[in-house]
């Protein structure tokens, strides 16, 4: 599985690494034009995106940090 936020739409995604098929997505405040941080805390895995946008690419900007816990 691959997590990505490096797109100009305001979505973060999980993709199947073998097929590229979109497995999950969520809308965020602004484009998350960066790769996420992935870490483990107290035995649970988390994926965190910074959704700040890029005013050069698109006027939509924000200041959101979006964190998602992976299922057990």
N, C-alpha and C. Protein backbone atom coordinates (compact mmCIF):
# COMPACT_ATOMS: atom_id res chain seq x y z
N UNK A 1 0.84 -1.16 0.00
CA UNK A 1 0.00 0.00 0.00
C UNK A 1 0.89 1.23 0.00
N UNK A 2 0.47 2.23 -0.77
CA UNK A 2 1.18 3.50 -0.87
C UNK A 2 0.22 4.61 -0.46
N UNK A 3 0.68 5.51 0.39
CA UNK A 3 -0.09 6.69 0.76
C UNK A 3 0.50 7.88 0.04
N UNK A 4 -0.37 8.73 -0.51
CA UNK A 4 0.11 9.88 -1.26
C UNK A 4 -0.82 11.08 -1.06
N UNK A 5 -0.21 12.23 -0.95
CA UNK A 5 -0.96 13.47 -0.90
C UNK A 5 -0.40 14.45 -1.91
N UNK A 6 0.56 14.01 -2.70
CA UNK A 6 1.27 14.88 -3.64
C UNK A 6 0.48 15.05 -4.93
N UNK A 7 -0.64 15.75 -4.81
CA UNK A 7 -1.46 16.07 -5.99
C UNK A 7 -2.07 17.45 -5.78
N UNK A 8 -2.58 18.05 -6.84
CA UNK A 8 -3.11 19.40 -6.68
C UNK A 8 -4.59 19.42 -6.32
N UNK A 9 -5.24 18.26 -6.26
CA UNK A 9 -6.60 18.26 -5.73
C UNK A 9 -6.51 18.13 -4.21
N UNK A 10 -7.55 18.40 -3.53
CA UNK A 10 -7.54 18.39 -2.06
C UNK A 10 -7.94 17.02 -1.54
N UNK A 11 -7.22 15.99 -1.98
CA UNK A 11 -7.46 14.61 -1.53
C UNK A 11 -6.15 13.96 -1.13
N UNK A 12 -6.24 13.10 -0.13
CA UNK A 12 -5.13 12.22 0.23
C UNK A 12 -5.61 10.80 -0.08
N UNK A 13 -4.69 9.93 -0.45
CA UNK A 13 -5.08 8.61 -0.97
C UNK A 13 -4.21 7.49 -0.46
N UNK A 14 -4.80 6.29 -0.50
CA UNK A 14 -4.05 5.04 -0.35
C UNK A 14 -4.22 4.28 -1.66
N UNK A 15 -3.11 3.82 -2.21
CA UNK A 15 -3.12 3.09 -3.48
C UNK A 15 -2.55 1.70 -3.29
N UNK A 16 -3.04 0.76 -4.08
CA UNK A 16 -2.47 -0.57 -4.12
C UNK A 16 -1.13 -0.48 -4.83
N UNK A 17 -0.06 -0.89 -4.18
CA UNK A 17 1.28 -0.76 -4.75
C UNK A 17 1.47 -1.62 -6.00
N UNK A 18 0.73 -2.70 -6.14
CA UNK A 18 0.87 -3.59 -7.29
C UNK A 18 0.11 -3.12 -8.51
N UNK A 19 -1.09 -2.58 -8.29
CA UNK A 19 -1.96 -2.24 -9.41
C UNK A 19 -2.16 -0.74 -9.61
N UNK A 20 -1.88 0.06 -8.59
CA UNK A 20 -2.15 1.49 -8.67
C UNK A 20 -3.60 1.84 -8.38
N UNK A 21 -4.42 0.84 -8.10
CA UNK A 21 -5.84 1.08 -7.82
C UNK A 21 -6.02 1.87 -6.53
N UNK A 22 -6.90 2.86 -6.57
CA UNK A 22 -7.19 3.65 -5.38
C UNK A 22 -8.01 2.81 -4.39
N UNK A 23 -7.49 2.67 -3.17
CA UNK A 23 -8.15 1.87 -2.15
C UNK A 23 -8.97 2.72 -1.18
N UNK A 24 -8.54 3.96 -1.00
CA UNK A 24 -9.16 4.85 -0.03
C UNK A 24 -8.78 6.27 -0.36
N UNK A 25 -9.65 7.22 -0.02
CA UNK A 25 -9.28 8.63 -0.12
C UNK A 25 -10.07 9.42 0.91
N UNK A 26 -9.60 10.61 1.18
CA UNK A 26 -10.31 11.55 2.03
C UNK A 26 -10.04 12.95 1.51
N UNK A 27 -11.03 13.81 1.64
CA UNK A 27 -10.86 15.21 1.27
C UNK A 27 -10.23 15.96 2.44
N UNK A 28 -9.29 16.84 2.13
CA UNK A 28 -8.64 17.68 3.13
C UNK A 28 -8.84 19.15 2.76
N UNK A 29 -8.41 20.05 3.62
CA UNK A 29 -8.67 21.48 3.48
C UNK A 29 -8.08 22.09 2.20
N UNK A 30 -6.90 21.65 1.83
CA UNK A 30 -6.19 22.20 0.68
C UNK A 30 -5.32 21.09 0.11
N UNK A 31 -4.79 21.25 -1.09
CA UNK A 31 -3.93 20.21 -1.63
C UNK A 31 -2.76 19.88 -0.68
N UNK A 32 -2.55 18.61 -0.50
CA UNK A 32 -1.42 18.13 0.32
C UNK A 32 -0.28 17.83 -0.63
N UNK A 33 0.45 18.85 -1.01
CA UNK A 33 1.47 18.71 -2.04
C UNK A 33 2.79 18.19 -1.45
N UNK A 34 2.67 17.13 -0.67
CA UNK A 34 3.84 16.51 -0.04
C UNK A 34 3.51 15.06 0.29
N UNK A 35 4.53 14.29 0.53
CA UNK A 35 4.31 12.91 0.97
C UNK A 35 4.02 12.89 2.46
N UNK A 36 3.30 11.88 2.92
CA UNK A 36 2.91 11.81 4.33
C UNK A 36 4.02 11.29 5.23
N UNK A 37 3.82 11.49 6.52
CA UNK A 37 4.65 10.85 7.54
C UNK A 37 3.91 9.60 8.00
N UNK A 38 4.63 8.52 8.18
CA UNK A 38 4.04 7.27 8.66
C UNK A 38 4.81 6.86 9.91
N UNK A 39 4.09 6.55 10.97
CA UNK A 39 4.76 6.18 12.21
C UNK A 39 3.88 5.25 13.04
N UNK A 40 4.47 4.67 14.07
CA UNK A 40 3.74 3.80 14.99
C UNK A 40 3.77 4.43 16.37
N UNK A 41 2.61 4.41 17.04
CA UNK A 41 2.50 4.92 18.41
C UNK A 41 1.66 3.95 19.21
N UNK A 42 2.22 3.44 20.29
CA UNK A 42 1.55 2.49 21.18
C UNK A 42 0.94 1.32 20.40
N UNK A 43 1.71 0.80 19.44
CA UNK A 43 1.31 -0.37 18.69
C UNK A 43 0.35 -0.11 17.54
N UNK A 44 -0.01 1.11 17.29
CA UNK A 44 -0.93 1.45 16.20
C UNK A 44 -0.20 2.28 15.15
N UNK A 45 -0.43 1.98 13.88
CA UNK A 45 0.22 2.73 12.81
C UNK A 45 -0.65 3.93 12.41
N UNK A 46 0.02 5.03 12.12
CA UNK A 46 -0.62 6.28 11.75
C UNK A 46 -0.01 6.83 10.47
N UNK A 47 -0.83 7.55 9.71
CA UNK A 47 -0.39 8.28 8.52
C UNK A 47 -0.82 9.73 8.72
N UNK A 48 0.10 10.67 8.53
CA UNK A 48 -0.19 12.09 8.77
C UNK A 48 0.17 12.89 7.52
N UNK A 49 -0.77 13.74 7.10
CA UNK A 49 -0.57 14.61 5.94
C UNK A 49 -0.61 16.06 6.38
N UNK A 50 0.24 16.88 5.80
CA UNK A 50 0.15 18.34 5.95
C UNK A 50 -0.55 18.86 4.70
N UNK A 51 -1.71 19.46 4.88
CA UNK A 51 -2.51 19.96 3.76
C UNK A 51 -2.43 21.49 3.76
N UNK A 52 -1.41 22.01 3.11
CA UNK A 52 -1.20 23.45 3.10
C UNK A 52 -1.39 24.09 1.76
N UNK A 53 -1.37 23.28 0.71
CA UNK A 53 -1.51 23.82 -0.63
C UNK A 53 -0.22 24.45 -1.13
N UNK A 54 -0.32 25.08 -2.28
CA UNK A 54 0.79 25.79 -2.90
C UNK A 54 0.18 26.89 -3.75
N UNK A 55 0.29 28.11 -3.30
CA UNK A 55 -0.37 29.23 -3.99
C UNK A 55 0.14 29.46 -5.40
N UNK A 56 1.30 28.92 -5.75
CA UNK A 56 1.81 29.04 -7.11
C UNK A 56 1.02 28.13 -8.05
N UNK A 57 0.65 26.93 -7.56
CA UNK A 57 -0.09 25.97 -8.38
C UNK A 57 -1.59 26.20 -8.38
N UNK A 58 -2.12 26.60 -7.23
CA UNK A 58 -3.57 26.74 -7.07
C UNK A 58 -3.82 27.71 -5.92
N UNK A 59 -4.77 28.62 -6.03
CA UNK A 59 -4.97 29.62 -4.98
C UNK A 59 -5.50 29.05 -3.66
N UNK A 60 -5.96 27.82 -3.65
CA UNK A 60 -6.51 27.20 -2.44
C UNK A 60 -5.38 26.80 -1.49
N UNK A 61 -5.30 27.46 -0.32
CA UNK A 61 -4.28 27.12 0.67
C UNK A 61 -4.96 26.86 2.01
N UNK A 62 -4.25 26.22 2.91
CA UNK A 62 -4.79 25.90 4.22
C UNK A 62 -3.67 25.65 5.22
N UNK A 63 -4.06 25.21 6.40
CA UNK A 63 -3.07 24.91 7.44
C UNK A 63 -3.49 23.68 8.25
N UNK A 64 -3.95 22.66 7.57
CA UNK A 64 -4.47 21.47 8.22
C UNK A 64 -3.42 20.37 8.34
N UNK A 65 -3.41 19.71 9.49
CA UNK A 65 -2.67 18.46 9.67
C UNK A 65 -3.73 17.38 9.82
N UNK A 66 -3.73 16.41 8.93
CA UNK A 66 -4.74 15.35 8.93
C UNK A 66 -4.05 14.04 9.31
N UNK A 67 -4.50 13.41 10.40
CA UNK A 67 -3.91 12.15 10.88
C UNK A 67 -4.95 11.04 10.80
N UNK A 68 -4.51 9.88 10.33
CA UNK A 68 -5.39 8.73 10.17
C UNK A 68 -4.74 7.51 10.81
N UNK A 69 -5.50 6.82 11.65
CA UNK A 69 -5.02 5.58 12.24
C UNK A 69 -5.39 4.43 11.31
N UNK A 70 -4.44 3.54 11.06
CA UNK A 70 -4.73 2.37 10.26
C UNK A 70 -5.50 1.35 11.09
N UNK A 71 -6.34 0.56 10.46
CA UNK A 71 -7.10 -0.46 11.21
C UNK A 71 -6.15 -1.44 11.92
N UNK A 72 -6.59 -1.95 13.04
CA UNK A 72 -5.80 -2.95 13.77
C UNK A 72 -5.70 -4.24 12.98
